[in-house]
Amino acid sequence: MNLESIQEFLINNIEYSWMIIMFFAFAESFLITGIFISSAILFSICIFLYNMEALSIFGIVPIAILGAHIGDISSFFLGKTIGPQILSTKVLTKRAKTIKRAQKFLDKFGPYTVLFGRFVPAIRALTPFLLGISDVKAVRFYIADVIACLLWGIALGFLVIGIGSIFG
């Protein structure tokens, strides 16, 4: 599936535009799909829909925030659930010292890591998963992630308006 086919689908099925935004915001944030799906796709779709006037920026941003937050929460709890089993594998037990240092760092700077990770596409999907494995409490993660997603959504909105006006 390429960007042109997504755009063609949206032109023919404009009523599904909010679902597409939510799906790609979730997919680029979730560990399993975020490795393969680029945030550039979500960004391009948002610009396309904004320029088509299918959704206003006040429709695009909250939907993207919600999708990203659901993806982050899902990755966090995936880390809480299967993370310990992954850490006990033979390959990772050999690196126990390095993993302990990384866990100490995440325990100490967990909420700040969420903020940093939300703005770096290369680690966006991995950060919540790793924080789920660490001892970061779910409530601390949730609050930090809501703040991070809100800030990210505001930045997305400004970028969509700015770049959308150039290509519009």
Protein backbone atom coordinates (compact mmCIF):
# COMPACT_ATOMS: atom_id res chain seq x y z
CA MET A 1 0.00 0.00 0.00
CA ASN A 2 1.50 3.31 -1.05
CA LEU A 3 0.52 6.89 -0.27
CA GLU A 4 -1.21 7.41 -3.62
CA SER A 5 -3.56 4.48 -3.05
CA ILE A 6 -4.41 5.83 0.42
CA GLN A 7 -5.12 9.26 -1.08
CA GLU A 8 -7.29 7.71 -3.78
CA PHE A 9 -9.19 5.77 -1.14
CA LEU A 10 -9.73 8.95 0.87
CA ILE A 11 -10.99 10.87 -2.17
CA ASN A 12 -13.57 8.16 -2.82
CA ASN A 13 -14.40 7.53 0.87
CA ILE A 14 -13.99 10.85 2.63
CA GLU A 15 -16.25 9.73 5.49
CA TYR A 16 -13.52 7.34 6.63
CA SER A 17 -10.83 10.01 6.86
CA TRP A 18 -10.95 10.19 10.66
CA MET A 19 -10.52 6.40 10.88
CA ILE A 20 -7.47 6.52 8.60
CA ILE A 21 -5.87 9.23 10.76
CA MET A 22 -6.56 7.27 13.94
CA PHE A 23 -5.30 4.03 12.38
CA PHE A 24 -1.99 5.52 11.20
CA ALA A 25 -1.48 7.46 14.45
CA PHE A 26 -1.99 4.21 16.35
CA ALA A 27 0.08 2.13 13.93
CA GLU A 28 3.11 4.43 14.00
CA SER A 29 3.01 4.45 17.82
CA PHE A 30 2.43 0.75 18.47
CA LEU A 31 5.54 -1.39 18.85
CA ILE A 32 4.69 -4.13 16.37
CA THR A 33 3.53 -1.87 13.52
CA GLY A 34 5.54 1.25 14.39
CA ILE A 35 8.74 -0.42 13.26
CA PHE A 36 7.35 -0.65 9.72
CA ILE A 37 5.02 2.34 9.39
CA SER A 38 6.64 5.73 9.06
CA SER A 39 5.28 8.82 10.74
CA ALA A 40 5.71 10.54 7.37
CA ILE A 41 2.66 8.63 6.13
CA LEU A 42 0.47 10.02 8.90
CA PHE A 43 1.88 13.49 8.32
CA SER A 44 1.21 13.28 4.57
CA ILE A 45 -2.34 12.03 5.11
CA CYS A 46 -3.05 14.87 7.55
CA ILE A 47 -1.76 17.46 5.06
CA PHE A 48 -3.77 15.87 2.26
CA LEU A 49 -7.01 15.89 4.29
CA TYR A 50 -6.37 19.42 5.52
CA ASN A 51 -5.77 20.71 1.98
CA MET A 52 -8.86 18.85 0.72
CA GLU A 53 -10.81 20.52 3.52
CA ALA A 54 -12.13 17.09 4.47
CA LEU A 55 -11.29 17.77 8.12
CA SER A 56 -10.31 20.95 9.88
CA ILE A 57 -7.15 21.09 11.93
CA PHE A 58 -9.42 20.94 15.00
CA GLY A 59 -10.63 17.55 13.76
CA ILE A 60 -7.29 16.19 12.63
CA VAL A 61 -5.26 16.94 15.76
CA PRO A 62 -7.54 15.36 18.43
CA ILE A 63 -8.00 12.22 16.34
CA ALA A 64 -4.23 11.90 15.83
CA ILE A 65 -3.61 12.51 19.55
CA LEU A 66 -6.12 9.82 20.52
CA GLY A 67 -4.68 7.27 18.07
CA ALA A 68 -1.12 7.97 19.21
CA HIS A 69 -2.08 7.72 22.87
CA ILE A 70 -3.89 4.40 22.36
CA GLY A 71 -0.82 3.08 20.51
CA ASP A 72 1.50 4.18 23.31
CA ILE A 73 -0.68 2.69 26.04
CA SER A 74 -0.94 -0.58 24.10
CA SER A 75 2.85 -0.76 23.73
CA PHE A 76 3.35 0.06 27.41
CA PHE A 77 1.08 -2.77 28.54
CA LEU A 78 2.61 -5.11 25.96
CA GLY A 79 5.93 -4.39 27.67
CA LYS A 80 4.40 -5.02 31.09
CA THR A 81 2.93 -8.32 29.88
CA ILE A 82 5.56 -9.97 27.71
CA GLY A 83 8.59 -7.83 28.54
CA PRO A 84 9.83 -9.95 31.45
CA GLN A 85 9.70 -13.09 29.29
CA ILE A 86 11.74 -11.33 26.61
CA LEU A 87 14.32 -10.22 29.20
CA SER A 88 14.72 -13.79 30.41
CA THR A 89 15.74 -15.10 26.98
CA LYS A 90 19.22 -16.52 26.66
CA VAL A 91 20.43 -13.72 24.38
CA LEU A 92 19.44 -10.96 26.79
CA THR A 93 20.52 -12.67 30.01
CA LYS A 94 24.10 -12.39 28.74
CA ARG A 95 23.64 -8.60 28.70
CA ALA A 96 22.10 -8.33 32.16
CA LYS A 97 24.49 -5.58 33.29
CA THR A 98 23.62 -3.33 30.34
CA ILE A 99 19.91 -4.01 30.75
CA LYS A 100 20.09 -3.13 34.47
CA ARG A 101 21.72 0.22 33.63
CA ALA A 102 19.07 0.93 31.01
CA GLN A 103 16.31 0.02 33.47
CA LYS A 104 17.79 2.32 36.12
CA PHE A 105 17.85 5.14 33.58
CA LEU A 106 14.23 4.48 32.56
CA ASP A 107 13.11 4.25 36.18
CA LYS A 108 14.77 7.56 36.97
CA PHE A 109 13.85 9.53 33.84
CA GLY A 110 10.75 7.58 32.70
CA PRO A 111 8.32 10.49 32.23
CA TYR A 112 10.95 12.59 30.47
CA THR A 113 11.78 9.63 28.24
CA VAL A 114 8.13 9.56 27.16
CA LEU A 115 8.30 13.23 26.14
CA PHE A 116 11.60 12.75 24.31
CA GLY A 117 10.51 9.51 22.64
CA ARG A 118 7.26 10.99 21.32
CA PHE A 119 9.21 13.54 19.24
CA VAL A 120 11.85 11.15 17.85
CA PRO A 121 10.29 8.91 15.17
CA ALA A 122 13.07 6.32 15.32
CA ILE A 123 12.31 5.44 18.96
CA ARG A 124 8.64 6.50 19.18
CA ALA A 125 7.21 2.98 19.09
CA LEU A 126 9.94 1.42 21.23
CA THR A 127 9.91 3.87 24.17
CA PRO A 128 6.52 2.90 25.69
CA PHE A 129 7.38 -0.79 25.38
CA LEU A 130 10.69 -0.33 27.20
CA LEU A 131 9.01 1.75 29.88
CA GLY A 132 6.48 -1.05 30.31
CA ILE A 133 9.32 -3.48 30.96
CA SER A 134 10.88 -1.11 33.50
CA ASP A 135 9.41 -0.32 36.90
CA VAL A 136 7.64 2.83 35.73
CA LYS A 137 4.15 2.88 37.22
CA ALA A 138 1.23 2.90 34.78
CA VAL A 139 -0.22 6.12 36.23
CA ARG A 140 3.09 7.99 35.84
CA PHE A 141 3.40 6.74 32.29
CA TYR A 142 -0.21 7.63 31.49
CA ILE A 143 0.13 11.22 32.71
CA ALA A 144 3.44 11.71 30.93
CA ASP A 145 2.05 10.18 27.75
CA VAL A 146 -1.05 12.38 27.76
CA ILE A 147 1.19 15.46 28.05
CA ALA A 148 3.58 14.15 25.37
CA CYS A 149 0.75 13.31 22.97
CA LEU A 150 -0.88 16.71 23.50
CA LEU A 151 2.39 18.52 22.78
CA TRP A 152 3.05 16.28 19.78
CA GLY A 153 -0.49 16.90 18.49
CA ILE A 154 -0.05 20.67 18.76
CA ALA A 155 3.25 20.41 16.87
CA LEU A 156 1.56 18.20 14.25
CA GLY A 157 -1.18 20.81 13.84
CA PHE A 158 1.30 23.63 13.29
CA LEU A 159 3.28 21.54 10.81
CA VAL A 160 0.17 20.52 8.89
CA ILE A 161 -0.99 24.13 8.64
CA GLY A 162 2.47 25.42 7.73
CA ILE A 163 3.44 22.79 5.20
CA GLY A 164 -0.14 22.40 4.01
CA SER A 165 -0.22 26.07 3.06
CA ILE A 166 2.95 25.62 1.00
CA PHE A 167 1.57 22.66 -0.95
CA GLY A 168 -2.07 23.74 -0.86
